[in-house]
C-alpha atoms as a PDB file:
ATOM      1  CA  UNK A   1       0.000   0.000   0.000  1.00  0.00           C
ATOM      2  CA  UNK A   2       1.084   3.539  -0.766  1.00  0.00           C
ATOM      3  CA  UNK A   3       0.703   6.443   1.624  1.00  0.00           C
ATOM      4  CA  UNK A   4      -0.950   8.304  -1.242  1.00  0.00           C
ATOM      5  CA  UNK A   5      -3.780   5.742  -1.162  1.00  0.00           C
ATOM      6  CA  UNK A   6      -4.931   7.350   2.104  1.00  0.00           C
ATOM      7  CA  UNK A   7      -5.171  10.907   0.825  1.00  0.00           C
ATOM      8  CA  UNK A   8      -8.436  12.828   0.531  1.00  0.00           C
ATOM      9  CA  UNK A   9      -9.535  16.401  -0.049  1.00  0.00           C
ATOM     10  CA  UNK A  10     -10.025  18.365   3.158  1.00  0.00           C
ATOM     11  CA  UNK A  11     -10.959  22.065   2.965  1.00  0.00           C
ATOM     12  CA  UNK A  12      -8.985  23.843   5.712  1.00  0.00           C
ATOM     13  CA  UNK A  13     -12.084  25.649   6.990  1.00  0.00           C
ATOM     14  CA  UNK A  14     -13.466  22.291   8.197  1.00  0.00           C
ATOM     15  CA  UNK A  15     -10.684  21.978  10.788  1.00  0.00           C
ATOM     16  CA  UNK A  16     -12.385  22.905  14.064  1.00  0.00           C
ATOM     17  CA  UNK A  17     -10.531  25.693  15.878  1.00  0.00           C
ATOM     18  CA  UNK A  18     -12.859  25.823  18.880  1.00  0.00           C
ATOM     19  CA  UNK A  19     -14.947  23.282  20.787  1.00  0.00           C
ATOM     20  CA  UNK A  20     -18.675  23.030  20.208  1.00  0.00           C
ATOM     21  CA  UNK A  21     -21.055  24.979  22.444  1.00  0.00           C
ATOM     22  CA  UNK A  22     -21.394  21.969  24.728  1.00  0.00           C
ATOM     23  CA  UNK A  23     -19.668  18.590  24.791  1.00  0.00           C
ATOM     24  CA  UNK A  24     -22.589  16.681  23.322  1.00  0.00           C
ATOM     25  CA  UNK A  25     -23.507  19.360  20.760  1.00  0.00           C
ATOM     26  CA  UNK A  26     -21.452  17.749  17.995  1.00  0.00           C
ATOM     27  CA  UNK A  27     -22.719  15.714  15.063  1.00  0.00           C
ATOM     28  CA  UNK A  28     -22.328  11.947  14.692  1.00  0.00           C
ATOM     29  CA  UNK A  29     -21.862  10.090  11.412  1.00  0.00           C
ATOM     30  CA  UNK A  30     -22.523   6.356  11.642  1.00  0.00           C
ATOM     31  CA  UNK A  31     -20.955   3.819   9.291  1.00  0.00           C
ATOM     32  CA  UNK A  32     -21.896   0.177   9.096  1.00  0.00           C
ATOM     33  CA  UNK A  33     -18.727  -1.460   7.843  1.00  0.00           C
ATOM     34  CA  UNK A  34     -20.679  -4.561   6.862  1.00  0.00           C
ATOM     35  CA  UNK A  35     -22.601  -2.839   4.065  1.00  0.00           C
ATOM     36  CA  UNK A  36     -21.205   0.715   3.941  1.00  0.00           C
ATOM     37  CA  UNK A  37     -24.468   2.325   5.074  1.00  0.00           C
ATOM     38  CA  UNK A  38     -24.075   5.913   6.332  1.00  0.00           C
ATOM     39  CA  UNK A  39     -26.419   7.958   8.496  1.00  0.00           C
ATOM     40  CA  UNK A  40     -26.185  11.534   9.764  1.00  0.00           C
ATOM     41  CA  UNK A  41     -27.121  11.935  13.414  1.00  0.00           C
ATOM     42  CA  UNK A  42     -26.414  14.054  16.471  1.00  0.00           C
ATOM     43  CA  UNK A  43     -24.028  12.831  19.157  1.00  0.00           C
ATOM     44  CA  UNK A  44     -26.878  13.064  21.673  1.00  0.00           C
ATOM     45  CA  UNK A  45     -28.431  10.041  19.862  1.00  0.00           C
ATOM     46  CA  UNK A  46     -25.592   7.737  20.996  1.00  0.00           C
ATOM     47  CA  UNK A  47     -27.628   5.990  23.746  1.00  0.00           C
ATOM     48  CA  UNK A  48     -30.086   4.826  21.060  1.00  0.00           C
ATOM     49  CA  UNK A  49     -27.243   3.147  19.188  1.00  0.00           C
ATOM     50  CA  UNK A  50     -26.046   0.860  21.991  1.00  0.00           C
ATOM     51  CA  UNK A  51     -27.673  -2.097  23.740  1.00  0.00           C
ATOM     52  CA  UNK A  52     -27.782  -3.444  27.302  1.00  0.00           C
ATOM     53  CA  UNK A  53     -24.656  -5.516  28.066  1.00  0.00           C
ATOM     54  CA  UNK A  54     -22.580  -3.587  25.519  1.00  0.00           C
ATOM     55  CA  UNK A  55     -19.262  -2.438  26.971  1.00  0.00           C
ATOM     56  CA  UNK A  56     -17.690   0.934  26.287  1.00  0.00           C
ATOM     57  CA  UNK A  57     -13.949   1.220  26.930  1.00  0.00           C
ATOM     58  CA  UNK A  58     -12.577   4.701  27.695  1.00  0.00           C
ATOM     59  CA  UNK A  59      -9.019   6.018  27.904  1.00  0.00           C
ATOM     60  CA  UNK A  60      -8.628   7.731  31.292  1.00  0.00           C
ATOM     61  CA  UNK A  61      -5.328   9.485  30.543  1.00  0.00           C
ATOM     62  CA  UNK A  62      -5.046  13.135  31.534  1.00  0.00           C
ATOM     63  CA  UNK A  63      -3.371  15.812  29.407  1.00  0.00           C
ATOM     64  CA  UNK A  64      -0.502  17.556  31.192  1.00  0.00           C
ATOM     65  CA  UNK A  65       0.653  21.133  30.612  1.00  0.00           C
ATOM     66  CA  UNK A  66       3.642  19.896  28.699  1.00  0.00           C
ATOM     67  CA  UNK A  67       4.599  22.948  26.595  1.00  0.00           C
ATOM     68  CA  UNK A  68       7.298  25.248  28.000  1.00  0.00           C
ATOM     69  CA  UNK A  69       9.165  28.299  26.734  1.00  0.00           C
ATOM     70  CA  UNK A  70      12.657  29.093  27.915  1.00  0.00           C
ATOM     71  CA  UNK A  71      16.083  30.516  27.198  1.00  0.00           C
ATOM     72  CA  UNK A  72      19.399  28.788  26.575  1.00  0.00           C
ATOM     73  CA  UNK A  73      22.573  29.887  28.340  1.00  0.00           C
ATOM     74  CA  UNK A  74      23.549  31.653  25.121  1.00  0.00           C
ATOM     75  CA  UNK A  75      20.327  33.673  25.218  1.00  0.00           C
ATOM     76  CA  UNK A  76      18.582  31.793  22.403  1.00  0.00           C
ATOM     77  CA  UNK A  77      14.852  31.121  22.620  1.00  0.00           C
ATOM     78  CA  UNK A  78      13.695  27.542  23.207  1.00  0.00           C
ATOM     79  CA  UNK A  79      10.340  25.771  23.004  1.00  0.00           C
ATOM     80  CA  UNK A  80      10.045  22.452  24.826  1.00  0.00           C
ATOM     81  CA  UNK A  81       7.346  19.815  24.672  1.00  0.00           C
ATOM     82  CA  UNK A  82       7.696  17.160  27.360  1.00  0.00           C
ATOM     83  CA  UNK A  83       6.763  14.012  25.466  1.00  0.00           C
ATOM     84  CA  UNK A  84       6.997  11.609  28.410  1.00  0.00           C
ATOM     85  CA  UNK A  85       7.404  12.112  32.168  1.00  0.00           C
ATOM     86  CA  UNK A  86       9.787   9.467  33.529  1.00  0.00           C
ATOM     87  CA  UNK A  87       9.723  10.277  37.263  1.00  0.00           C
ATOM     88  CA  UNK A  88       9.489  13.272  39.609  1.00  0.00           C
ATOM     89  CA  UNK A  89      12.470  15.024  38.010  1.00  0.00           C
ATOM     90  CA  UNK A  90      13.103  13.517  34.572  1.00  0.00           C
ATOM     91  CA  UNK A  91      11.317  13.601  31.217  1.00  0.00           C
ATOM     92  CA  UNK A  92      11.895  13.025  27.519  1.00  0.00           C
ATOM     93  CA  UNK A  93      11.279  16.186  25.538  1.00  0.00           C
ATOM     94  CA  UNK A  94      11.139  17.634  22.068  1.00  0.00           C
ATOM     95  CA  UNK A  95      13.277  20.775  21.955  1.00  0.00           C
ATOM     96  CA  UNK A  96      12.950  23.434  19.268  1.00  0.00           C
ATOM     97  CA  UNK A  97      15.839  25.881  19.116  1.00  0.00           C
ATOM     98  CA  UNK A  98      18.049  27.549  16.525  1.00  0.00           C
ATOM     99  CA  UNK A  99      20.799  25.035  17.385  1.00  0.00           C
ATOM    100  CA  UNK A 100      20.492  21.615  18.982  1.00  0.00           C
ATOM    101  CA  UNK A 101      21.263  21.782  22.724  1.00  0.00           C
ATOM    102  CA  UNK A 102      24.327  19.961  24.014  1.00  0.00           C
ATOM    103  CA  UNK A 103      24.344  17.494  26.938  1.00  0.00           C
ATOM    104  CA  UNK A 104      25.006  19.386  30.156  1.00  0.00           C
ATOM    105  CA  UNK A 105      23.481  22.640  28.918  1.00  0.00           C
ATOM    106  CA  UNK A 106      20.672  24.357  30.823  1.00  0.00           C
ATOM    107  CA  UNK A 107      17.389  25.783  29.637  1.00  0.00           C
ATOM    108  CA  UNK A 108      15.961  28.397  32.002  1.00  0.00           C
ATOM    109  CA  UNK A 109      12.167  28.474  32.181  1.00  0.00           C
ATOM    110  CA  UNK A 110      11.778  30.746  35.211  1.00  0.00           C
ATOM    111  CA  UNK A 111      14.158  32.576  37.486  1.00  0.00           C
ATOM    112  CA  UNK A 112      13.879  29.725  39.990  1.00  0.00           C
ATOM    113  CA  UNK A 113      13.624  26.753  37.604  1.00  0.00           C
ATOM    114  CA  UNK A 114      15.596  25.290  34.729  1.00  0.00           C
ATOM    115  CA  UNK A 115      16.030  22.019  32.863  1.00  0.00           C
ATOM    116  CA  UNK A 116      19.381  20.355  32.341  1.00  0.00           C
ATOM    117  CA  UNK A 117      19.785  18.517  29.042  1.00  0.00           C
ATOM    118  CA  UNK A 118      21.198  15.081  29.914  1.00  0.00           C
ATOM    119  CA  UNK A 119      21.419  13.189  26.639  1.00  0.00           C
ATOM    120  CA  UNK A 120      19.965  12.757  23.173  1.00  0.00           C
ATOM    121  CA  UNK A 121      17.256  10.101  22.798  1.00  0.00           C
ATOM    122  CA  UNK A 122      16.645   9.645  19.077  1.00  0.00           C
ATOM    123  CA  UNK A 123      15.097  12.907  17.905  1.00  0.00           C
ATOM    124  CA  UNK A 124      14.369  13.946  21.490  1.00  0.00           C
ATOM    125  CA  UNK A 125      16.277  14.685  24.687  1.00  0.00           C
ATOM    126  CA  UNK A 126      16.277  13.402  28.236  1.00  0.00           C
ATOM    127  CA  UNK A 127      16.041  16.382  30.603  1.00  0.00           C
ATOM    128  CA  UNK A 128      16.044  16.940  34.375  1.00  0.00           C
ATOM    129  CA  UNK A 129      14.025  19.584  36.209  1.00  0.00           C
ATOM    130  CA  UNK A 130      16.167  21.675  38.528  1.00  0.00           C
ATOM    131  CA  UNK A 131      13.499  22.703  41.050  1.00  0.00           C
ATOM    132  CA  UNK A 132      12.203  21.543  44.416  1.00  0.00           C
ATOM    133  CA  UNK A 133       8.661  20.778  43.222  1.00  0.00           C
ATOM    134  CA  UNK A 134       7.908  17.353  41.633  1.00  0.00           C
ATOM    135  CA  UNK A 135       7.710  17.597  37.852  1.00  0.00           C
ATOM    136  CA  UNK A 136       3.974  16.964  37.314  1.00  0.00           C
ATOM    137  CA  UNK A 137       2.985  19.458  40.012  1.00  0.00           C
ATOM    138  CA  UNK A 138       5.458  21.986  38.619  1.00  0.00           C
ATOM    139  CA  UNK A 139       4.047  21.587  35.089  1.00  0.00           C
ATOM    140  CA  UNK A 140       0.502  22.002  36.334  1.00  0.00           C
ATOM    141  CA  UNK A 141       1.500  25.358  37.814  1.00  0.00           C
ATOM    142  CA  UNK A 142       3.822  26.746  35.158  1.00  0.00           C
ATOM    143  CA  UNK A 143       3.338  24.774  31.943  1.00  0.00           C
ATOM    144  CA  UNK A 144       1.105  25.545  28.986  1.00  0.00           C
ATOM    145  CA  UNK A 145      -1.578  23.284  27.509  1.00  0.00           C
ATOM    146  CA  UNK A 146      -0.222  21.657  24.313  1.00  0.00           C
ATOM    147  CA  UNK A 147      -3.024  22.202  21.814  1.00  0.00           C
ATOM    148  CA  UNK A 148      -2.573  20.268  18.539  1.00  0.00           C
ATOM    149  CA  UNK A 149      -0.534  21.926  15.766  1.00  0.00           C
ATOM    150  CA  UNK A 150      -3.593  22.351  13.531  1.00  0.00           C
ATOM    151  CA  UNK A 151      -5.310  24.602  16.117  1.00  0.00           C
ATOM    152  CA  UNK A 152      -3.779  27.889  15.058  1.00  0.00           C
ATOM    153  CA  UNK A 153      -4.385  29.949  18.180  1.00  0.00           C
ATOM    154  CA  UNK A 154      -2.971  30.054  21.707  1.00  0.00           C
ATOM    155  CA  UNK A 155      -4.758  28.022  24.412  1.00  0.00           C
ATOM    156  CA  UNK A 156      -7.462  29.790  26.417  1.00  0.00           C
ATOM    157  CA  UNK A 157      -9.030  29.265  29.821  1.00  0.00           C
ATOM    158  CA  UNK A 158     -11.856  27.366  28.102  1.00  0.00           C
ATOM    159  CA  UNK A 159      -9.364  24.889  26.645  1.00  0.00           C
ATOM    160  CA  UNK A 160      -8.161  24.007  30.148  1.00  0.00           C
ATOM    161  CA  UNK A 161     -11.515  22.272  30.683  1.00  0.00           C
ATOM    162  CA  UNK A 162     -12.642  21.325  27.182  1.00  0.00           C
ATOM    163  CA  UNK A 163      -9.372  19.761  25.989  1.00  0.00           C
ATOM    164  CA  UNK A 164      -9.713  17.191  28.750  1.00  0.00           C
ATOM    165  CA  UNK A 165     -12.218  14.359  29.137  1.00  0.00           C
ATOM    166  CA  UNK A 166     -14.453  14.536  32.197  1.00  0.00           C
ATOM    167  CA  UNK A 167     -13.146  11.137  33.337  1.00  0.00           C
ATOM    168  CA  UNK A 168      -9.432  11.981  32.909  1.00  0.00           C
ATOM    169  CA  UNK A 169      -7.602  10.614  35.953  1.00  0.00           C
ATOM    170  CA  UNK A 170      -4.039   9.597  35.156  1.00  0.00           C
ATOM    171  CA  UNK A 171      -1.714  12.418  34.058  1.00  0.00           C
ATOM    172  CA  UNK A 172       0.784  11.749  31.307  1.00  0.00           C
ATOM    173  CA  UNK A 173      -0.662  12.569  27.862  1.00  0.00           C
ATOM    174  CA  UNK A 174       0.440  15.470  25.677  1.00  0.00           C
ATOM    175  CA  UNK A 175      -2.641  15.169  23.451  1.00  0.00           C
ATOM    176  CA  UNK A 176      -6.231  14.408  24.408  1.00  0.00           C
ATOM    177  CA  UNK A 177      -8.034  11.163  23.501  1.00  0.00           C
ATOM    178  CA  UNK A 178     -10.445  13.314  21.564  1.00  0.00           C
ATOM    179  CA  UNK A 179     -13.360  10.921  21.012  1.00  0.00           C
ATOM    180  CA  UNK A 180     -13.957  11.170  24.752  1.00  0.00           C
ATOM    181  CA  UNK A 181     -14.309  14.953  24.666  1.00  0.00           C
ATOM    182  CA  UNK A 182     -17.941  14.583  23.534  1.00  0.00           C
ATOM    183  CA  UNK A 183     -19.110  12.967  26.793  1.00  0.00           C
ATOM    184  CA  UNK A 184     -20.638  14.882  29.680  1.00  0.00           C
ATOM    185  CA  UNK A 185     -21.887  13.404  32.934  1.00  0.00           C
ATOM    186  CA  UNK A 186     -25.493  13.369  31.748  1.00  0.00           C
ATOM    187  CA  UNK A 187     -24.515  11.303  28.692  1.00  0.00           C
ATOM    188  CA  UNK A 188     -22.634   8.787  30.839  1.00  0.00           C
ATOM    189  CA  UNK A 189     -25.661   8.505  33.123  1.00  0.00           C
ATOM    190  CA  UNK A 190     -27.963   7.904  30.129  1.00  0.00           C
ATOM    191  CA  UNK A 191     -25.708   5.119  28.928  1.00  0.00           C
ATOM    192  CA  UNK A 192     -25.583   3.500  32.383  1.00  0.00           C
ATOM    193  CA  UNK A 193     -29.380   3.701  32.617  1.00  0.00           C
ATOM    194  CA  UNK A 194     -29.566   1.890  29.265  1.00  0.00           C
ATOM    195  CA  UNK A 195     -27.592  -0.989  30.794  1.00  0.00           C
ATOM    196  CA  UNK A 196     -24.321  -0.192  29.067  1.00  0.00           C
ATOM    197  CA  UNK A 197     -21.237  -1.127  31.066  1.00  0.00           C
ATOM    198  CA  UNK A 198     -18.045   0.917  31.183  1.00  0.00           C
ATOM    199  CA  UNK A 199     -14.375   0.057  31.615  1.00  0.00           C
ATOM    200  CA  UNK A 200     -11.099   1.946  31.344  1.00  0.00           C
ATOM    201  CA  UNK A 201      -7.629   1.636  29.902  1.00  0.00           C
ATOM    202  CA  UNK A 202      -4.798   4.143  30.016  1.00  0.00           C
ATOM    203  CA  UNK A 203      -2.724   5.151  27.014  1.00  0.00           C
ATOM    204  CA  UNK A 204      -0.641   8.307  27.394  1.00  0.00           C
ATOM    205  CA  UNK A 205      -1.060   9.911  23.994  1.00  0.00           C
ATOM    206  CA  UNK A 206       2.227  11.267  22.635  1.00  0.00           C
ATOM    207  CA  UNK A 207       2.924  14.111  20.237  1.00  0.00           C
ATOM    208  CA  UNK A 208       3.857  11.457  17.686  1.00  0.00           C
ATOM    209  CA  UNK A 209       0.143  11.038  17.030  1.00  0.00           C
ATOM    210  CA  UNK A 210       0.425  14.212  14.889  1.00  0.00           C
ATOM    211  CA  UNK A 211       3.518  13.090  12.967  1.00  0.00           C
ATOM    212  CA  UNK A 212       2.928  12.795   9.212  1.00  0.00           C
ATOM    213  CA  UNK A 213       3.768   9.613   7.345  1.00  0.00           C
ATOM    214  CA  UNK A 214       6.800  10.641   5.293  1.00  0.00           C
ATOM    215  CA  UNK A 215       7.489   7.383   3.443  1.00  0.00           C
ATOM    216  CA  UNK A 216       5.955   6.356   0.134  1.00  0.00           C
ATOM    217  CA  UNK A 217       5.369   2.727   1.135  1.00  0.00           C
ATOM    218  CA  UNK A 218       3.099   2.420   4.177  1.00  0.00           C
ATOM    219  CA  UNK A 219       4.899  -0.628   5.621  1.00  0.00           C
ATOM    220  CA  UNK A 220       8.132   1.373   5.890  1.00  0.00           C
ATOM    221  CA  UNK A 221       6.653   3.808   8.437  1.00  0.00           C
ATOM    222  CA  UNK A 222       7.842   3.426  12.035  1.00  0.00           C
ATOM    223  CA  UNK A 223       5.269   4.269  14.682  1.00  0.00           C
ATOM    224  CA  UNK A 224       6.047   6.328  17.767  1.00  0.00           C
ATOM    225  CA  UNK A 225       5.898   4.518  21.111  1.00  0.00           C
ATOM    226  CA  UNK A 226       3.289   5.209  23.809  1.00  0.00           C
ATOM    227  CA  UNK A 227       2.833   3.840  27.329  1.00  0.00           C
ATOM    228  CA  UNK A 228      -0.363   1.907  28.042  1.00  0.00           C
ATOM    229  CA  UNK A 229      -2.052  -0.088  30.805  1.00  0.00           C
ATOM    230  CA  UNK A 230      -4.966  -2.528  30.515  1.00  0.00           C
ATOM    231  CA  UNK A 231      -6.153  -3.510  34.020  1.00  0.00           C
ATOM    232  CA  UNK A 232      -7.466  -6.957  34.891  1.00  0.00           C
ATOM    233  CA  UNK A 233     -10.930  -5.579  35.668  1.00  0.00           C
ATOM    234  CA  UNK A 234     -11.177  -4.350  32.067  1.00  0.00           C
ATOM    235  CA  UNK A 235     -10.131  -7.742  30.713  1.00  0.00           C
ATOM    236  CA  UNK A 236     -12.804  -9.343  32.933  1.00  0.00           C
ATOM    237  CA  UNK A 237     -15.451  -6.814  31.834  1.00  0.00           C
ATOM    238  CA  UNK A 238     -14.745  -7.572  28.170  1.00  0.00           C
ATOM    239  CA  UNK A 239     -15.057 -11.315  28.760  1.00  0.00           C
ATOM    240  CA  UNK A 240     -18.352 -10.806  30.600  1.00  0.00           C
ATOM    241  CA  UNK A 241     -19.754  -8.541  27.874  1.00  0.00           C
ATOM    242  CA  UNK A 242     -18.954 -11.034  25.135  1.00  0.00           C
ATOM    243  CA  UNK A 243     -20.400 -13.907  27.192  1.00  0.00           C
ATOM    244  CA  UNK A 244     -23.685 -11.982  27.478  1.00  0.00           C
ATOM    245  CA  UNK A 245     -23.829 -11.177  23.773  1.00  0.00           C
ATOM    246  CA  UNK A 246     -22.695  -7.588  24.199  1.00  0.00           C
ATOM    247  CA  UNK A 247     -20.333  -5.731  21.894  1.00  0.00           C
ATOM    248  CA  UNK A 248     -17.115  -3.952  22.804  1.00  0.00           C
ATOM    249  CA  UNK A 249     -17.106  -0.302  21.749  1.00  0.00           C
ATOM    250  CA  UNK A 250     -13.729   1.441  21.971  1.00  0.00           C
ATOM    251  CA  UNK A 251     -14.055   5.157  22.666  1.00  0.00           C
ATOM    252  CA  UNK A 252     -11.238   6.479  20.527  1.00  0.00           C
ATOM    253  CA  UNK A 253      -8.373   5.037  18.556  1.00  0.00           C
ATOM    254  CA  UNK A 254      -6.186   5.182  21.685  1.00  0.00           C
ATOM    255  CA  UNK A 255      -8.498   2.824  23.584  1.00  0.00           C
ATOM    256  CA  UNK A 256      -8.539   0.509  20.577  1.00  0.00           C
ATOM    257  CA  UNK A 257      -4.745   0.577  20.269  1.00  0.00           C
ATOM    258  CA  UNK A 258      -4.323  -0.240  23.964  1.00  0.00           C
ATOM    259  CA  UNK A 259      -6.714  -3.193  23.758  1.00  0.00           C
ATOM    260  CA  UNK A 260      -5.282  -4.575  20.547  1.00  0.00           C
ATOM    261  CA  UNK A 261      -1.749  -4.183  21.926  1.00  0.00           C
ATOM    262  CA  UNK A 262      -2.731  -6.148  25.026  1.00  0.00           C
ATOM    263  CA  UNK A 263      -4.152  -8.871  22.752  1.00  0.00           C
ATOM    264  CA  UNK A 264      -1.016  -9.067  20.617  1.00  0.00           C
ATOM    265  CA  UNK A 265      -0.267 -12.577  21.844  1.00  0.00           C
ATOM    266  CA  UNK A 266      -3.595 -13.854  20.538  1.00  0.00           C
ATOM    267  CA  UNK A 267      -5.755 -13.359  23.631  1.00  0.00           C
ATOM    268  CA  UNK A 268      -6.390 -10.250  25.707  1.00  0.00           C
ATOM    269  CA  UNK A 269      -4.058 -10.040  28.703  1.00  0.00           C
ATOM    270  CA  UNK A 270      -3.914  -7.475  31.491  1.00  0.00           C
ATOM    271  CA  UNK A 271      -0.652  -5.594  31.669  1.00  0.00           C
ATOM    272  CA  UNK A 272       1.252  -2.482  30.783  1.00  0.00           C
ATOM    273  CA  UNK A 273       4.174  -1.402  28.667  1.00  0.00           C
ATOM    274  CA  UNK A 274       5.082   0.513  25.526  1.00  0.00           C
ATOM    275  CA  UNK A 275       3.248   0.005  22.269  1.00  0.00           C
ATOM    276  CA  UNK A 276       4.097   1.062  18.735  1.00  0.00           C
ATOM    277  CA  UNK A 277       1.316  -0.973  17.153  1.00  0.00           C
ATOM    278  CA  UNK A 278       0.641   0.155  13.570  1.00  0.00           C
ATOM    279  CA  UNK A 279      -2.827  -0.863  12.376  1.00  0.00           C
ATOM    280  CA  UNK A 280      -3.386  -0.766   8.619  1.00  0.00           C
ATOM    281  CA  UNK A 281      -5.831  -2.532   6.266  1.00  0.00           C
ATOM    282  CA  UNK A 282      -5.363  -6.276   6.534  1.00  0.00           C
ATOM    283  CA  UNK A 283      -4.985  -6.178  10.320  1.00  0.00           C
ATOM    284  CA  UNK A 284      -7.042  -8.813  12.183  1.00  0.00           C
ATOM    285  CA  UNK A 285      -8.897  -7.231  15.106  1.00  0.00           C
ATOM    286  CA  UNK A 286      -9.163  -9.406  18.197  1.00  0.00           C
ATOM    287  CA  UNK A 287     -11.150  -7.372  20.735  1.00  0.00           C
ATOM    288  CA  UNK A 288     -13.186  -4.443  19.428  1.00  0.00           C
ATOM    289  CA  UNK A 289     -16.415  -4.604  17.377  1.00  0.00           C
ATOM    290  CA  UNK A 290     -17.289  -0.900  17.287  1.00  0.00           C
ATOM    291  CA  UNK A 291     -15.233   2.289  17.325  1.00  0.00           C
ATOM    292  CA  UNK A 292     -16.198   5.832  18.258  1.00  0.00           C
ATOM    293  CA  UNK A 293     -13.700   8.313  16.863  1.00  0.00           C
ATOM    294  CA  UNK A 294     -13.262  11.814  15.499  1.00  0.00           C
ATOM    295  CA  UNK A 295     -12.289  12.591  11.889  1.00  0.00           C
ATOM    296  CA  UNK A 296      -8.581  12.295  11.103  1.00  0.00           C
ATOM    297  CA  UNK A 297      -5.880  13.844   8.942  1.00  0.00           C
ATOM    298  CA  UNK A 298      -5.340  12.727   5.338  1.00  0.00           C
ATOM    299  CA  UNK A 299      -2.467  10.224   4.965  1.00  0.00           C
ATOM    300  CA  UNK A 300      -2.218   9.843   8.759  1.00  0.00           C
ATOM    301  CA  UNK A 301      -1.720   6.632  10.718  1.00  0.00           C
ATOM    302  CA  UNK A 302      -5.098   7.221  12.364  1.00  0.00           C
ATOM    303  CA  UNK A 303      -6.908   7.410   9.037  1.00  0.00           C
ATOM    304  CA  UNK A 304      -5.134   4.181   8.088  1.00  0.00           C
ATOM    305  CA  UNK A 305      -6.404   2.615  11.321  1.00  0.00           C
ATOM    306  CA  UNK A 306     -10.048   3.523  10.681  1.00  0.00           C
ATOM    307  CA  UNK A 307      -9.705   2.254   7.105  1.00  0.00           C
ATOM    308  CA  UNK A 308      -8.545  -1.065   8.561  1.00  0.00           C
ATOM    309  CA  UNK A 309     -11.521  -1.102  10.917  1.00  0.00           C
ATOM    310  CA  UNK A 310     -14.383   0.038   8.706  1.00  0.00           C
ATOM    311  CA  UNK A 311     -13.071  -0.950   5.288  1.00  0.00           C
ATOM    312  CA  UNK A 312     -10.968   1.214   3.004  1.00  0.00           C
ATOM    313  CA  UNK A 313     -13.627   1.889   0.366  1.00  0.00           C
ATOM    314  CA  UNK A 314     -16.300   2.428   3.028  1.00  0.00           C
ATOM    315  CA  UNK A 315     -14.111   4.919   4.866  1.00  0.00           C
ATOM    316  CA  UNK A 316     -13.144   6.881   1.763  1.00  0.00           C
ATOM    317  CA  UNK A 317     -16.821   7.250   0.848  1.00  0.00           C
ATOM    318  CA  UNK A 318     -17.683   8.186   4.440  1.00  0.00           C
ATOM    319  CA  UNK A 319     -15.023  10.904   4.551  1.00  0.00           C
ATOM    320  CA  UNK A 320     -16.157  12.247   1.165  1.00  0.00           C
ATOM    321  CA  UNK A 321     -19.669  12.429   2.620  1.00  0.00           C
ATOM    322  CA  UNK A 322     -18.364  14.143   5.769  1.00  0.00           C
ATOM    323  CA  UNK A 323     -16.609  16.804   3.688  1.00  0.00           C
ATOM    324  CA  UNK A 324     -19.671  17.363   1.514  1.00  0.00           C
ATOM    325  CA  UNK A 325     -21.911  17.670   4.580  1.00  0.00           C
ATOM    326  CA  UNK A 326     -19.463  20.049   6.291  1.00  0.00           C
ATOM    327  CA  UNK A 327     -18.632  17.928   9.326  1.00  0.00           C
ATOM    328  CA  UNK A 328     -16.021  19.473  11.626  1.00  0.00           C
ATOM    329  CA  UNK A 329     -12.655  17.678  11.671  1.00  0.00           C
ATOM    330  CA  UNK A 330      -9.982  16.738  14.224  1.00  0.00           C
ATOM    331  CA  UNK A 331      -9.724  17.263  17.992  1.00  0.00           C
ATOM    332  CA  UNK A 332     -12.604  19.706  18.498  1.00  0.00           C
ATOM    333  CA  UNK A 333     -14.613  18.313  15.598  1.00  0.00           C
ATOM    334  CA  UNK A 334     -17.526  15.936  15.161  1.00  0.00           C
ATOM    335  CA  UNK A 335     -17.609  12.193  15.821  1.00  0.00           C
ATOM    336  CA  UNK A 336     -18.052   8.978  13.884  1.00  0.00           C
ATOM    337  CA  UNK A 337     -19.374   5.613  15.075  1.00  0.00           C
ATOM    338  CA  UNK A 338     -18.015   2.712  13.006  1.00  0.00           C
ATOM    339  CA  UNK A 339     -19.312  -0.835  12.943  1.00  0.00           C
ATOM    340  CA  UNK A 340     -16.393  -3.070  12.060  1.00  0.00           C
ATOM    341  CA  UNK A 341     -16.132  -4.489   8.556  1.00  0.00           C
ATOM    342  CA  UNK A 342     -16.560  -8.253   8.531  1.00  0.00           C
ATOM    343  CA  UNK A 343     -13.861 -10.499   7.160  1.00  0.00           C
END
């Protein structure tokens, strides 16, 4: 497969720059991967589209204020994005500067806080916070929310709440699991009242989720690595749902990637670790029957994933429909519910 096979026309004005008026106020396009049927709905109709004993799996990661601006010892300006927090003092970071920083150099963020560059890690750097406060607490106080690169404005006070799911519990992501942004507490209560069960995984979304595919042949692309955890109670909930005839609905590609990573040995196993799973057409899904997701970038790994899930032709037609009907794309955009293609 060629990367070009996953291209489509996307007018830039369809890229949502702001969240909808309320979390559930977005639209919902449904696709039945078995026959390609499409239907335009509102997200508020989601409880009608699930059944008792279905299981919804959410990603409970929490976005951290991972973007920082500082100054090198030479006086040059630096932008840092902490890609992964390692412990209370150390992180792996992307660093943008006029010249690559050298090991041992310092980047001053505030008068009382700096980062020491320890070593190069691929295209990133391992850094150490030189401050008394633990790193996550320090970021929460002084960092900036890392909005995606296609949102062309600085973060606002509204983003502090809206670019975070209401069930976010475990800090570590530098990008939100955006399918979950549509849920408010009332929606969750409606789903529970319908008899839908809920379970959680954690996948700390990295900035690599926005990286373009730069190779011509899809199989030559190397995925970024992200930390995930699938608890035993989620494995048990999935087994119970399937035993009762329920379906597993992954809320977001990150939830799906965590589950499919944990099933990489053939059966779903509780555990944690790093995953660089790359799902493209031809992949055999082991866990998930339905996927709730936002609309993704052309030629992106996430568009490749949904093509694998719903069928390549089905998905291309669905995205053409979404463009024609002026759906809003990406993190603050509308949602899509996909029934997996059979085969």
